[in-house]
PDB file of N, CA and C in Angstrom:
ATOM      1  N   MET A   1       9.689  -2.450  17.616  1.00  0.00           N
ATOM      2  CA  MET A   1       8.393  -2.472  17.032  1.00  0.00           C
ATOM      3  C   MET A   1       7.120  -1.338  17.425  1.00  0.00           C
ATOM      4  N   LEU A   2       6.861  -1.103  18.272  1.00  0.00           N
ATOM      5  CA  LEU A   2       6.243  -1.113  19.285  1.00  0.00           C
ATOM      6  C   LEU A   2       5.966   0.298  19.369  1.00  0.00           C
ATOM      7  N   ARG A   3       7.747   0.864  19.171  1.00  0.00           N
ATOM      8  CA  ARG A   3       7.760   2.902  18.897  1.00  0.00           C
ATOM      9  C   ARG A   3       7.930   3.249  18.155  1.00  0.00           C
ATOM     10  N   ALA A   4       7.992   2.152  16.958  1.00  0.00           N
ATOM     11  CA  ALA A   4       8.236   2.605  16.095  1.00  0.00           C
ATOM     12  C   ALA A   4       6.724   2.383  14.897  1.00  0.00           C
ATOM     13  N   SER A   5       6.024   2.030  15.539  1.00  0.00           N
ATOM     14  CA  SER A   5       4.339   2.231  15.624  1.00  0.00           C
ATOM     15  C   SER A   5       3.341   3.597  16.035  1.00  0.00           C
ATOM     16  N   ARG A   6       4.554   3.767  16.824  1.00  0.00           N
ATOM     17  CA  ARG A   6       3.774   4.457  17.740  1.00  0.00           C
ATOM     18  C   ARG A   6       4.599   6.377  16.927  1.00  0.00           C
ATOM     19  N   LEU A   7       5.171   5.700  16.448  1.00  0.00           N
ATOM     20  CA  LEU A   7       6.149   7.363  16.056  1.00  0.00           C
ATOM     21  C   LEU A   7       5.378   7.145  14.291  1.00  0.00           C
ATOM     22  N   VAL A   8       5.466   6.056  13.368  1.00  0.00           N
ATOM     23  CA  VAL A   8       4.494   5.990  12.154  1.00  0.00           C
ATOM     24  C   VAL A   8       3.679   6.608  12.626  1.00  0.00           C
ATOM     25  N   LEU A   9       2.137   6.777  13.398  1.00  0.00           N
ATOM     26  CA  LEU A   9       1.331   6.830  13.895  1.00  0.00           C
ATOM     27  C   LEU A   9       0.730   8.737  14.662  1.00  0.00           C
ATOM     28  N   SER A  10       1.661   9.063  15.378  1.00  0.00           N
ATOM     29  CA  SER A  10       1.994  10.081  15.640  1.00  0.00           C
ATOM     30  C   SER A  10       2.112  11.385  14.738  1.00  0.00           C
ATOM     31  N   ILE A  11       3.188  11.047  13.194  1.00  0.00           N
ATOM     32  CA  ILE A  11       3.470  11.152  12.592  1.00  0.00           C
ATOM     33  C   ILE A  11       2.219  11.377  11.925  1.00  0.00           C
ATOM     34  N   VAL A  12       1.634  11.033  11.557  1.00  0.00           N
ATOM     35  CA  VAL A  12       0.163  11.169  10.056  1.00  0.00           C
ATOM     36  C   VAL A  12      -0.861  11.599  11.018  1.00  0.00           C
ATOM     37  N   THR A  13      -1.386  11.082  12.354  1.00  0.00           N
ATOM     38  CA  THR A  13      -1.901  12.147  12.714  1.00  0.00           C
ATOM     39  C   THR A  13      -1.607  13.481  12.744  1.00  0.00           C
ATOM     40  N   VAL A  14      -0.182  14.054  13.134  1.00  0.00           N
ATOM     41  CA  VAL A  14      -0.366  15.131  12.861  1.00  0.00           C
ATOM     42  C   VAL A  14      -0.697  16.057  11.232  1.00  0.00           C
ATOM     43  N   ALA A  15      -0.162  14.842  10.610  1.00  0.00           N
ATOM     44  CA  ALA A  15       0.544  15.248   9.647  1.00  0.00           C
ATOM     45  C   ALA A  15      -0.808  15.539   8.599  1.00  0.00           C
ATOM     46  N   ILE A  16      -2.334  14.486   8.897  1.00  0.00           N
ATOM     47  CA  ILE A  16      -3.697  14.682   8.629  1.00  0.00           C
ATOM     48  C   ILE A  16      -3.858  15.961   9.193  1.00  0.00           C
ATOM     49  N   SER A  17      -4.015  16.709  11.194  1.00  0.00           N
ATOM     50  CA  SER A  17      -4.273  18.223  11.522  1.00  0.00           C
ATOM     51  C   SER A  17      -3.767  19.204  10.710  1.00  0.00           C
ATOM     52  N   VAL A  18      -2.779  19.021  10.402  1.00  0.00           N
ATOM     53  CA  VAL A  18      -1.853  19.738  10.267  1.00  0.00           C
ATOM     54  C   VAL A  18      -2.895  20.169   8.435  1.00  0.00           C
ATOM     55  N   TYR A  19      -3.145  19.060   7.672  1.00  0.00           N
ATOM     56  CA  TYR A  19      -3.673  19.143   6.266  1.00  0.00           C
ATOM     57  C   TYR A  19      -5.262  19.554   5.989  1.00  0.00           C
ATOM     58  N   ILE A  20      -6.231  19.312   8.065  1.00  0.00           N
ATOM     59  CA  ILE A  20      -7.229  19.718   8.016  1.00  0.00           C
ATOM     60  C   ILE A  20      -6.507  21.177   8.435  1.00  0.00           C
ATOM     61  N   LEU A  21      -5.658  21.800   9.471  1.00  0.00           N
ATOM     62  CA  LEU A  21      -6.499  23.068  10.235  1.00  0.00           C
ATOM     63  C   LEU A  21      -5.893  24.454   8.366  1.00  0.00           C
ATOM     64  N   LEU A  22      -4.985  23.933   7.353  1.00  0.00           N
ATOM     65  CA  LEU A  22      -4.609  24.258   6.183  1.00  0.00           C
ATOM     66  C   LEU A  22      -5.816  24.644   5.060  1.00  0.00           C
ATOM     67  N   THR A  23      -6.207  24.020   5.085  1.00  0.00           N
ATOM     68  CA  THR A  23      -7.451  23.742   4.214  1.00  0.00           C
ATOM     69  C   THR A  23      -8.357  23.345   4.162  1.00  0.00           C
ATOM     70  N   ARG A  24      -9.483  23.652   6.138  1.00  0.00           N
ATOM     71  CA  ARG A  24     -10.200  23.681   5.834  1.00  0.00           C
ATOM     72  C   ARG A  24     -11.440  22.897   5.848  1.00  0.00           C
ATOM     73  N   ASN A  25     -10.742  21.435   4.519  1.00  0.00           N
ATOM     74  CA  ASN A  25     -11.535  20.583   4.704  1.00  0.00           C
ATOM     75  C   ASN A  25     -11.476  19.037   5.996  1.00  0.00           C
ATOM     76  N   PHE A  26     -13.103  19.021   6.289  1.00  0.00           N
ATOM     77  CA  PHE A  26     -13.443  18.393   7.238  1.00  0.00           C
ATOM     78  C   PHE A  26     -13.828  16.858   7.365  1.00  0.00           C
ATOM     79  N   ASP A  27     -13.527  16.091   5.529  1.00  0.00           N
ATOM     80  CA  ASP A  27     -14.125  15.170   5.470  1.00  0.00           C
ATOM     81  C   ASP A  27     -13.017  14.127   5.586  1.00  0.00           C
ATOM     82  N   ILE A  28     -11.689  14.746   6.351  1.00  0.00           N
ATOM     83  CA  ILE A  28     -10.934  13.273   6.962  1.00  0.00           C
ATOM     84  C   ILE A  28     -10.745  13.355   8.240  1.00  0.00           C
ATOM     85  N   LEU A  29     -11.431  14.401   8.637  1.00  0.00           N
ATOM     86  CA  LEU A  29     -11.245  14.101  10.061  1.00  0.00           C
ATOM     87  C   LEU A  29     -11.438  13.394  11.557  1.00  0.00           C
ATOM     88  N   PRO A  30     -12.237  11.888  10.326  1.00  0.00           N
ATOM     89  CA  PRO A  30     -12.877  10.736  11.526  1.00  0.00           C
ATOM     90  C   PRO A  30     -11.462  10.167  10.814  1.00  0.00           C
ATOM     91  N   TYR A  31     -10.255  10.132   9.958  1.00  0.00           N
ATOM     92  CA  TYR A  31      -9.241   8.933   9.859  1.00  0.00           C
ATOM     93  C   TYR A  31      -8.246   9.553  11.478  1.00  0.00           C
ATOM     94  N   MET A  32      -7.994  11.483  11.359  1.00  0.00           N
ATOM     95  CA  MET A  32      -7.388  11.613  11.859  1.00  0.00           C
ATOM     96  C   MET A  32      -7.752  11.161  13.319  1.00  0.00           C
ATOM     97  N   LEU A  33      -8.275  11.269  13.584  1.00  0.00           N
ATOM     98  CA  LEU A  33      -9.185  10.205  15.469  1.00  0.00           C
ATOM     99  C   LEU A  33      -8.281   8.661  15.710  1.00  0.00           C
ATOM    100  N   ALA A  34      -9.071   8.125  14.388  1.00  0.00           N
ATOM    101  CA  ALA A  34      -9.058   6.909  13.900  1.00  0.00           C
ATOM    102  C   ALA A  34      -7.239   6.862  14.629  1.00  0.00           C
ATOM    103  N   ALA A  35      -6.427   7.041  14.424  1.00  0.00           N
ATOM    104  CA  ALA A  35      -4.629   7.764  14.015  1.00  0.00           C
ATOM    105  C   ALA A  35      -4.466   7.678  15.737  1.00  0.00           C
ATOM    106  N   LEU A  36      -5.192   8.710  16.164  1.00  0.00           N
ATOM    107  CA  LEU A  36      -5.138   9.371  17.428  1.00  0.00           C
ATOM    108  C   LEU A  36      -5.940   8.667  18.467  1.00  0.00           C
ATOM    109  N   GLY A  37      -6.950   7.572  17.715  1.00  0.00           N
ATOM    110  CA  GLY A  37      -6.703   6.824  18.939  1.00  0.00           C
ATOM    111  C   GLY A  37      -5.713   5.728  19.290  1.00  0.00           C
ATOM    112  N   ALA A  38      -5.474   4.945  17.384  1.00  0.00           N
ATOM    113  CA  ALA A  38      -3.948   4.337  17.805  1.00  0.00           C
ATOM    114  C   ALA A  38      -2.965   5.051  18.959  1.00  0.00           C
ATOM    115  N   SER A  39      -2.888   5.891  18.429  1.00  0.00           N
ATOM    116  CA  SER A  39      -1.438   6.128  18.877  1.00  0.00           C
ATOM    117  C   SER A  39      -1.621   6.030  20.622  1.00  0.00           C
ATOM    118  N   THR A  40      -2.843   6.870  20.752  1.00  0.00           N
ATOM    119  CA  THR A  40      -2.607   7.012  21.874  1.00  0.00           C
ATOM    120  C   THR A  40      -3.057   5.233  22.459  1.00  0.00           C
ATOM    121  N   LEU A  41      -3.623   3.949  21.845  1.00  0.00           N
ATOM    122  CA  LEU A  41      -3.474   3.604  22.882  1.00  0.00           C
ATOM    123  C   LEU A  41      -2.201   2.858  22.996  1.00  0.00           C
ATOM    124  N   LEU A  42      -1.938   2.984  21.733  1.00  0.00           N
ATOM    125  CA  LEU A  42      -0.027   2.406  21.674  1.00  0.00           C
ATOM    126  C   LEU A  42       1.452   2.677  23.173  1.00  0.00           C
ATOM    127  N   ILE A  43       0.451   3.842  22.844  1.00  0.00           N
ATOM    128  CA  ILE A  43       1.307   4.783  24.653  1.00  0.00           C
ATOM    129  C   ILE A  43       0.769   3.799  25.439  1.00  0.00           C
ATOM    130  N   GLY A  44      -0.757   3.919  25.666  1.00  0.00           N
ATOM    131  CA  GLY A  44      -0.670   3.467  26.681  1.00  0.00           C
ATOM    132  C   GLY A  44      -0.707   1.744  27.348  1.00  0.00           C
ATOM    133  N   ILE A  45      -0.505   0.658  25.697  1.00  0.00           N
ATOM    134  CA  ILE A  45       0.374  -0.453  26.490  1.00  0.00           C
ATOM    135  C   ILE A  45       1.766  -0.120  27.219  1.00  0.00           C
ATOM    136  N   SER A  46       2.498   0.293  26.079  1.00  0.00           N
ATOM    137  CA  SER A  46       3.741   0.121  26.273  1.00  0.00           C
ATOM    138  C   SER A  46       4.239   0.770  27.800  1.00  0.00           C
ATOM    139  N   GLU A  47       3.607   1.749  28.840  1.00  0.00           N
ATOM    140  CA  GLU A  47       3.230   1.856  29.348  1.00  0.00           C
ATOM    141  C   GLU A  47       3.521   0.892  30.004  1.00  0.00           C
ATOM    142  N   VAL A  48       2.101  -0.249  30.168  1.00  0.00           N
ATOM    143  CA  VAL A  48       1.212  -0.818  30.872  1.00  0.00           C
ATOM    144  C   VAL A  48       2.638  -1.761  30.962  1.00  0.00           C
ATOM    145  N   GLN A  49       3.072  -2.491  29.868  1.00  0.00           N
ATOM    146  CA  GLN A  49       4.322  -3.357  29.500  1.00  0.00           C
ATOM    147  C   GLN A  49       5.511  -2.799  30.242  1.00  0.00           C
ATOM    148  N   LYS A  50       5.860  -1.092  30.878  1.00  0.00           N
ATOM    149  CA  LYS A  50       6.933  -1.791  31.603  1.00  0.00           C
ATOM    150  C   LYS A  50       6.472  -1.810  32.615  1.00  0.00           C
ATOM    151  N   ASP A  51       5.338  -2.277  32.987  1.00  0.00           N
ATOM    152  CA  ASP A  51       5.282  -2.534  34.684  1.00  0.00           C
ATOM    153  C   ASP A  51       5.567  -1.145  35.359  1.00  0.00           C
ATOM    154  N   ARG A  52       5.537  -0.362  34.507  1.00  0.00           N
ATOM    155  CA  ARG A  52       4.622   1.125  35.220  1.00  0.00           C
ATOM    156  C   ARG A  52       2.876   1.252  35.756  1.00  0.00           C
ATOM    157  N   ARG A  53       2.566   0.584  36.499  1.00  0.00           N
ATOM    158  CA  ARG A  53       1.019  -0.091  36.616  1.00  0.00           C
ATOM    159  C   ARG A  53      -0.230   1.082  36.839  1.00  0.00           C
ATOM    160  N   ASN A  54       0.879   2.480  36.212  1.00  0.00           N
ATOM    161  CA  ASN A  54       0.011   3.468  36.907  1.00  0.00           C
ATOM    162  C   ASN A  54      -1.508   3.761  36.585  1.00  0.00           C
ATOM    163  N   PHE A  55      -1.527   5.041  36.832  1.00  0.00           N
ATOM    164  CA  PHE A  55      -3.040   6.158  36.681  1.00  0.00           C
ATOM    165  C   PHE A  55      -2.768   6.003  35.041  1.00  0.00           C
ATOM    166  N   TRP A  56      -1.254   6.545  34.611  1.00  0.00           N
ATOM    167  CA  TRP A  56      -1.432   6.626  32.586  1.00  0.00           C
ATOM    168  C   TRP A  56      -1.630   6.138  31.693  1.00  0.00           C
ATOM    169  N   GLY A  57      -0.908   4.930  32.564  1.00  0.00           N
ATOM    170  CA  GLY A  57      -0.811   3.840  31.303  1.00  0.00           C
ATOM    171  C   GLY A  57      -2.599   3.346  31.241  1.00  0.00           C
ATOM    172  N   TYR A  58      -3.384   3.188  31.984  1.00  0.00           N
ATOM    173  CA  TYR A  58      -4.773   2.894  32.088  1.00  0.00           C
ATOM    174  C   TYR A  58      -5.800   3.704  31.676  1.00  0.00           C
ATOM    175  N   THR A  59      -5.457   5.116  31.747  1.00  0.00           N
ATOM    176  CA  THR A  59      -5.763   6.028  31.172  1.00  0.00           C
ATOM    177  C   THR A  59      -5.966   6.795  30.168  1.00  0.00           C
ATOM    178  N   SER A  60      -4.718   5.491  29.537  1.00  0.00           N
ATOM    179  CA  SER A  60      -3.975   5.968  27.959  1.00  0.00           C
ATOM    180  C   SER A  60      -5.736   5.333  27.523  1.00  0.00           C
ATOM    181  N   ILE A  61      -5.067   4.164  28.012  1.00  0.00           N
ATOM    182  CA  ILE A  61      -5.747   3.079  27.120  1.00  0.00           C
ATOM    183  C   ILE A  61      -7.941   3.003  26.835  1.00  0.00           C
ATOM    184  N   VAL A  62      -8.157   3.602  28.235  1.00  0.00           N
ATOM    185  CA  VAL A  62      -9.713   4.833  28.553  1.00  0.00           C
ATOM    186  C   VAL A  62      -9.544   5.090  26.942  1.00  0.00           C
ATOM    187  N   VAL A  63      -9.313   5.773  27.317  1.00  0.00           N
ATOM    188  CA  VAL A  63      -8.179   7.926  26.517  1.00  0.00           C
ATOM    189  C   VAL A  63      -9.265   7.201  24.743  1.00  0.00           C
ATOM    190  N   SER A  64      -8.870   5.971  24.584  1.00  0.00           N
ATOM    191  CA  SER A  64      -7.486   6.078  23.408  1.00  0.00           C
ATOM    192  C   SER A  64      -9.173   5.040  23.258  1.00  0.00           C
ATOM    193  N   PHE A  65     -10.264   4.836  23.531  1.00  0.00           N
ATOM    194  CA  PHE A  65     -11.329   3.723  23.595  1.00  0.00           C
ATOM    195  C   PHE A  65     -11.876   5.097  23.323  1.00  0.00           C
ATOM    196  N   LEU A  66     -12.704   5.872  23.663  1.00  0.00           N
ATOM    197  CA  LEU A  66     -13.497   7.418  23.349  1.00  0.00           C
ATOM    198  C   LEU A  66     -12.949   7.677  22.332  1.00  0.00           C
ATOM    199  N   VAL A  67     -11.694   7.809  22.029  1.00  0.00           N
ATOM    200  CA  VAL A  67     -11.832   8.104  20.896  1.00  0.00           C
ATOM    201  C   VAL A  67     -12.184   7.957  19.495  1.00  0.00           C
ATOM    202  N   PHE A  68     -11.443   6.227  19.897  1.00  0.00           N
ATOM    203  CA  PHE A  68     -11.649   5.513  18.651  1.00  0.00           C
ATOM    204  C   PHE A  68     -13.496   5.700  18.788  1.00  0.00           C
ATOM    205  N   TYR A  69     -14.353   5.528  18.927  1.00  0.00           N
ATOM    206  CA  TYR A  69     -16.135   6.291  19.925  1.00  0.00           C
ATOM    207  C   TYR A  69     -16.312   6.942  19.158  1.00  0.00           C
ATOM    208  N   VAL A  70     -15.637   8.207  19.361  1.00  0.00           N
ATOM    209  CA  VAL A  70     -15.908   9.019  18.601  1.00  0.00           C
ATOM    210  C   VAL A  70     -15.241   9.177  17.020  1.00  0.00           C
ATOM    211  N   SER A  71     -14.611   8.484  16.579  1.00  0.00           N
ATOM    212  CA  SER A  71     -14.254   8.559  14.851  1.00  0.00           C
ATOM    213  C   SER A  71     -15.393   7.728  14.813  1.00  0.00           C
ATOM    214  N   ILE A  72     -15.527   6.520  15.129  1.00  0.00           N
ATOM    215  CA  ILE A  72     -16.969   5.889  14.963  1.00  0.00           C
ATOM    216  C   ILE A  72     -18.407   6.111  14.480  1.00  0.00           C
ATOM    217  N   GLN A  73     -17.998   7.417  15.289  1.00  0.00           N
ATOM    218  CA  GLN A  73     -19.569   8.481  15.762  1.00  0.00           C
ATOM    219  C   GLN A  73     -19.273   9.465  13.805  1.00  0.00           C
ATOM    220  N   SER A  74     -17.964   9.645  13.890  1.00  0.00           N
ATOM    221  CA  SER A  74     -17.755  10.624  12.931  1.00  0.00           C
ATOM    222  C   SER A  74     -17.783  10.351  12.378  1.00  0.00           C
ATOM    223  N   PHE A  75     -17.319   8.773  11.654  1.00  0.00           N
ATOM    224  CA  PHE A  75     -17.970   7.696  10.505  1.00  0.00           C
ATOM    225  C   PHE A  75     -19.306   7.966  10.215  1.00  0.00           C
ATOM    226  N   ILE A  76     -19.526   8.303  10.818  1.00  0.00           N
ATOM    227  CA  ILE A  76     -21.375   7.469  10.768  1.00  0.00           C
ATOM    228  C   ILE A  76     -21.569   8.966  10.068  1.00  0.00           C
ATOM    229  N   VAL A  77     -21.100  10.505  10.795  1.00  0.00           N
ATOM    230  CA  VAL A  77     -21.804  11.950  10.546  1.00  0.00           C
ATOM    231  C   VAL A  77     -21.749  12.096   9.346  1.00  0.00           C
ATOM    232  N   PHE A  78     -19.881  12.270   9.195  1.00  0.00           N
ATOM    233  CA  PHE A  78     -19.147  12.275   7.863  1.00  0.00           C
ATOM    234  C   PHE A  78     -19.813  11.700   6.744  1.00  0.00           C
ATOM    235  N   GLN A  79     -20.875  10.603   6.877  1.00  0.00           N
ATOM    236  CA  GLN A  79     -20.725   9.651   5.639  1.00  0.00           C
ATOM    237  C   GLN A  79     -21.421   9.249   5.190  1.00  0.00           C
ATOM    238  N   HIS A  80     -23.371  10.395   5.543  1.00  0.00           N
ATOM    239  CA  HIS A  80     -24.247  11.588   5.140  1.00  0.00           C
ATOM    240  C   HIS A  80     -24.532  12.467   4.757  1.00  0.00           C
TER     241      HIS A  80
END
């Protein structure tokens, strides 16, 4: 289940990124960042669950929170 969610979120992130690059429409950038944050969070969780309690699992979780913060800021900025 976790693997399928990671795959779907990664595909959504890439699809939105390609759309933004082709159309230069940055209005959906916060949605891409939210999908990227969720994908990174799932990667970090799966690394921690595999008992790979190393640097990269926790780093992915911290990075996902930073991406979520930027996503929230982008929602606020693009709303005006």
